[in-house]
Amino acid sequence: MENLADILQLVVGFSILVVWLVRSHVPTNFRVGDASTLKEEVLEVGLPDWFYDIIKIVKPIFAFFLLIGFNLQTTYSTLYGNYCPIHGRCCLDAHHRQR
């Protein structure tokens, strides 16, 4: 099940980046109403113009975080055996204080 979550994280992150960075101005059949771009689609739905300006920045950043999170997760689990280095350090400190 962990592999499925990793695959979905990659697919969702990559898909969002492609749609918002590459295909935002490409007309498709999947747009709402008569909209031909993402900006027109947001306006067609009834959201304000400034909302598109915020989403076009925030959504790709969060998609990028998904991709970075996958990379960090696999790096830490490979190097540290599923333990965060900070967590492992705290456990070592607590162990040495008891002696």
C-alpha atoms as a PDB file:
ATOM      1  CA  MET A   1       0.000   0.000   0.000  1.00  0.00           C
ATOM      2  CA  GLU A   2       2.938   2.326   0.607  1.00  0.00           C
ATOM      3  CA  ASN A   3       4.035   1.927  -3.027  1.00  0.00           C
ATOM      4  CA  LEU A   4       0.558   2.898  -4.227  1.00  0.00           C
ATOM      5  CA  ALA A   5       0.683   6.075  -2.130  1.00  0.00           C
ATOM      6  CA  ASP A   6       4.114   6.916  -3.558  1.00  0.00           C
ATOM      7  CA  ILE A   7       2.921   6.383  -7.125  1.00  0.00           C
ATOM      8  CA  LEU A   8      -0.195   8.497  -6.560  1.00  0.00           C
ATOM      9  CA  GLN A   9       1.893  11.257  -4.969  1.00  0.00           C
ATOM     10  CA  LEU A  10       4.139  11.375  -8.035  1.00  0.00           C
ATOM     11  CA  VAL A  11       1.267  11.218 -10.519  1.00  0.00           C
ATOM     12  CA  VAL A  12      -0.761  13.947  -8.794  1.00  0.00           C
ATOM     13  CA  GLY A  13       2.215  16.265  -8.300  1.00  0.00           C
ATOM     14  CA  PHE A  14       3.442  15.855 -11.856  1.00  0.00           C
ATOM     15  CA  SER A  15      -0.066  16.211 -13.327  1.00  0.00           C
ATOM     16  CA  ILE A  16      -0.726  19.458 -11.481  1.00  0.00           C
ATOM     17  CA  LEU A  17       2.601  20.892 -12.624  1.00  0.00           C
ATOM     18  CA  VAL A  18       1.937  19.961 -16.254  1.00  0.00           C
ATOM     19  CA  VAL A  19      -1.567  21.428 -16.247  1.00  0.00           C
ATOM     20  CA  TRP A  20      -0.647  24.704 -14.539  1.00  0.00           C
ATOM     21  CA  LEU A  21       2.766  25.328 -16.098  1.00  0.00           C
ATOM     22  CA  VAL A  22       2.512  23.807 -19.579  1.00  0.00           C
ATOM     23  CA  ARG A  23      -1.156  23.446 -20.539  1.00  0.00           C
ATOM     24  CA  SER A  24      -2.747  26.460 -18.836  1.00  0.00           C
ATOM     25  CA  HIS A  25      -3.196  28.300 -22.169  1.00  0.00           C
ATOM     26  CA  VAL A  26      -3.946  25.251 -24.332  1.00  0.00           C
ATOM     27  CA  PRO A  27      -7.622  24.816 -25.243  1.00  0.00           C
ATOM     28  CA  THR A  28      -9.083  21.416 -24.346  1.00  0.00           C
ATOM     29  CA  ASN A  29     -12.516  19.782 -24.344  1.00  0.00           C
ATOM     30  CA  PHE A  30     -12.390  19.449 -20.562  1.00  0.00           C
ATOM     31  CA  ARG A  31     -12.891  23.145 -19.771  1.00  0.00           C
ATOM     32  CA  VAL A  32     -16.066  24.445 -18.162  1.00  0.00           C
ATOM     33  CA  GLY A  33     -18.548  26.170 -20.452  1.00  0.00           C
ATOM     34  CA  ASP A  34     -16.974  28.086 -23.340  1.00  0.00           C
ATOM     35  CA  ALA A  35     -13.635  28.620 -21.583  1.00  0.00           C
ATOM     36  CA  SER A  36     -10.500  27.942 -23.589  1.00  0.00           C
ATOM     37  CA  THR A  37      -7.851  28.687 -20.905  1.00  0.00           C
ATOM     38  CA  LEU A  38      -7.601  28.120 -17.177  1.00  0.00           C
ATOM     39  CA  LYS A  39      -8.103  31.810 -16.480  1.00  0.00           C
ATOM     40  CA  GLU A  40     -11.295  31.852 -18.536  1.00  0.00           C
ATOM     41  CA  GLU A  41     -12.420  28.696 -16.750  1.00  0.00           C
ATOM     42  CA  VAL A  42     -11.989  30.311 -13.336  1.00  0.00           C
ATOM     43  CA  LEU A  43     -13.996  33.318 -14.511  1.00  0.00           C
ATOM     44  CA  GLU A  44     -16.635  31.026 -16.061  1.00  0.00           C
ATOM     45  CA  VAL A  45     -17.152  29.300 -12.723  1.00  0.00           C
ATOM     46  CA  GLY A  46     -17.787  32.685 -11.121  1.00  0.00           C
ATOM     47  CA  LEU A  47     -14.629  33.174  -9.096  1.00  0.00           C
ATOM     48  CA  PRO A  48     -12.938  36.597  -9.068  1.00  0.00           C
ATOM     49  CA  ASP A  49      -9.977  37.429 -11.285  1.00  0.00           C
ATOM     50  CA  TRP A  50      -7.589  37.795  -8.324  1.00  0.00           C
ATOM     51  CA  PHE A  51      -8.379  34.213  -7.276  1.00  0.00           C
ATOM     52  CA  TYR A  52      -6.767  32.874 -10.446  1.00  0.00           C
ATOM     53  CA  ASP A  53      -3.655  34.979  -9.796  1.00  0.00           C
ATOM     54  CA  ILE A  54      -3.274  33.423  -6.345  1.00  0.00           C
ATOM     55  CA  ILE A  55      -4.004  29.857  -7.440  1.00  0.00           C
ATOM     56  CA  LYS A  56      -1.592  29.975 -10.395  1.00  0.00           C
ATOM     57  CA  ILE A  57       1.211  30.598  -7.876  1.00  0.00           C
ATOM     58  CA  VAL A  58       0.112  28.462  -4.932  1.00  0.00           C
ATOM     59  CA  LYS A  59      -1.011  25.306  -6.724  1.00  0.00           C
ATOM     60  CA  PRO A  60       2.262  24.602  -8.608  1.00  0.00           C
ATOM     61  CA  ILE A  61       4.246  25.317  -5.429  1.00  0.00           C
ATOM     62  CA  PHE A  62       2.239  22.708  -3.511  1.00  0.00           C
ATOM     63  CA  ALA A  63       2.597  20.253  -6.409  1.00  0.00           C
ATOM     64  CA  PHE A  64       6.348  20.820  -6.290  1.00  0.00           C
ATOM     65  CA  PHE A  65       6.225  20.105  -2.538  1.00  0.00           C
ATOM     66  CA  LEU A  66       4.561  16.767  -3.319  1.00  0.00           C
ATOM     67  CA  LEU A  67       7.443  15.842  -5.613  1.00  0.00           C
ATOM     68  CA  ILE A  68      10.076  17.041  -3.138  1.00  0.00           C
ATOM     69  CA  GLY A  69       8.313  15.157  -0.333  1.00  0.00           C
ATOM     70  CA  PHE A  70       8.485  11.939  -2.298  1.00  0.00           C
ATOM     71  CA  ASN A  71      12.191  12.424  -2.961  1.00  0.00           C
ATOM     72  CA  LEU A  72      12.981  13.238   0.681  1.00  0.00           C
ATOM     73  CA  GLN A  73      10.890  10.327   1.920  1.00  0.00           C
ATOM     74  CA  THR A  74      12.741   7.795  -0.227  1.00  0.00           C
ATOM     75  CA  THR A  75      16.132   9.337   0.603  1.00  0.00           C
ATOM     76  CA  TYR A  76      15.550   9.211   4.360  1.00  0.00           C
ATOM     77  CA  SER A  77      14.097   5.714   4.319  1.00  0.00           C
ATOM     78  CA  THR A  78      17.049   4.468   2.267  1.00  0.00           C
ATOM     79  CA  LEU A  79      19.741   6.149   4.350  1.00  0.00           C
ATOM     80  CA  TYR A  80      18.257   5.943   7.827  1.00  0.00           C
ATOM     81  CA  GLY A  81      15.948   2.946   7.757  1.00  0.00           C
ATOM     82  CA  ASN A  82      12.641   4.856   7.938  1.00  0.00           C
ATOM     83  CA  TYR A  83      13.864   7.097  10.774  1.00  0.00           C
ATOM     84  CA  CYS A  84      14.283  10.812  10.478  1.00  0.00           C
ATOM     85  CA  PRO A  85      17.859  11.825  11.313  1.00  0.00           C
ATOM     86  CA  ILE A  86      16.559  14.347  13.845  1.00  0.00           C
ATOM     87  CA  HIS A  87      14.445  11.674  15.529  1.00  0.00           C
ATOM     88  CA  GLY A  88      17.346   9.237  15.579  1.00  0.00           C
ATOM     89  CA  ARG A  89      19.598  11.892  17.106  1.00  0.00           C
ATOM     90  CA  CYS A  90      17.087  12.645  19.856  1.00  0.00           C
ATOM     91  CA  CYS A  91      16.830   8.952  20.709  1.00  0.00           C
ATOM     92  CA  LEU A  92      20.610   8.641  20.924  1.00  0.00           C
ATOM     93  CA  ASP A  93      20.832  11.658  23.220  1.00  0.00           C
ATOM     94  CA  ALA A  94      18.162  10.264  25.530  1.00  0.00           C
ATOM     95  CA  HIS A  95      19.946   6.891  25.621  1.00  0.00           C
ATOM     96  CA  HIS A  96      23.270   8.460  26.602  1.00  0.00           C
ATOM     97  CA  ARG A  97      21.718  10.585  29.347  1.00  0.00           C
ATOM     98  CA  GLN A  98      20.447   7.512  31.162  1.00  0.00           C
ATOM     99  CA  ARG A  99      23.947   6.131  31.694  1.00  0.00           C
END
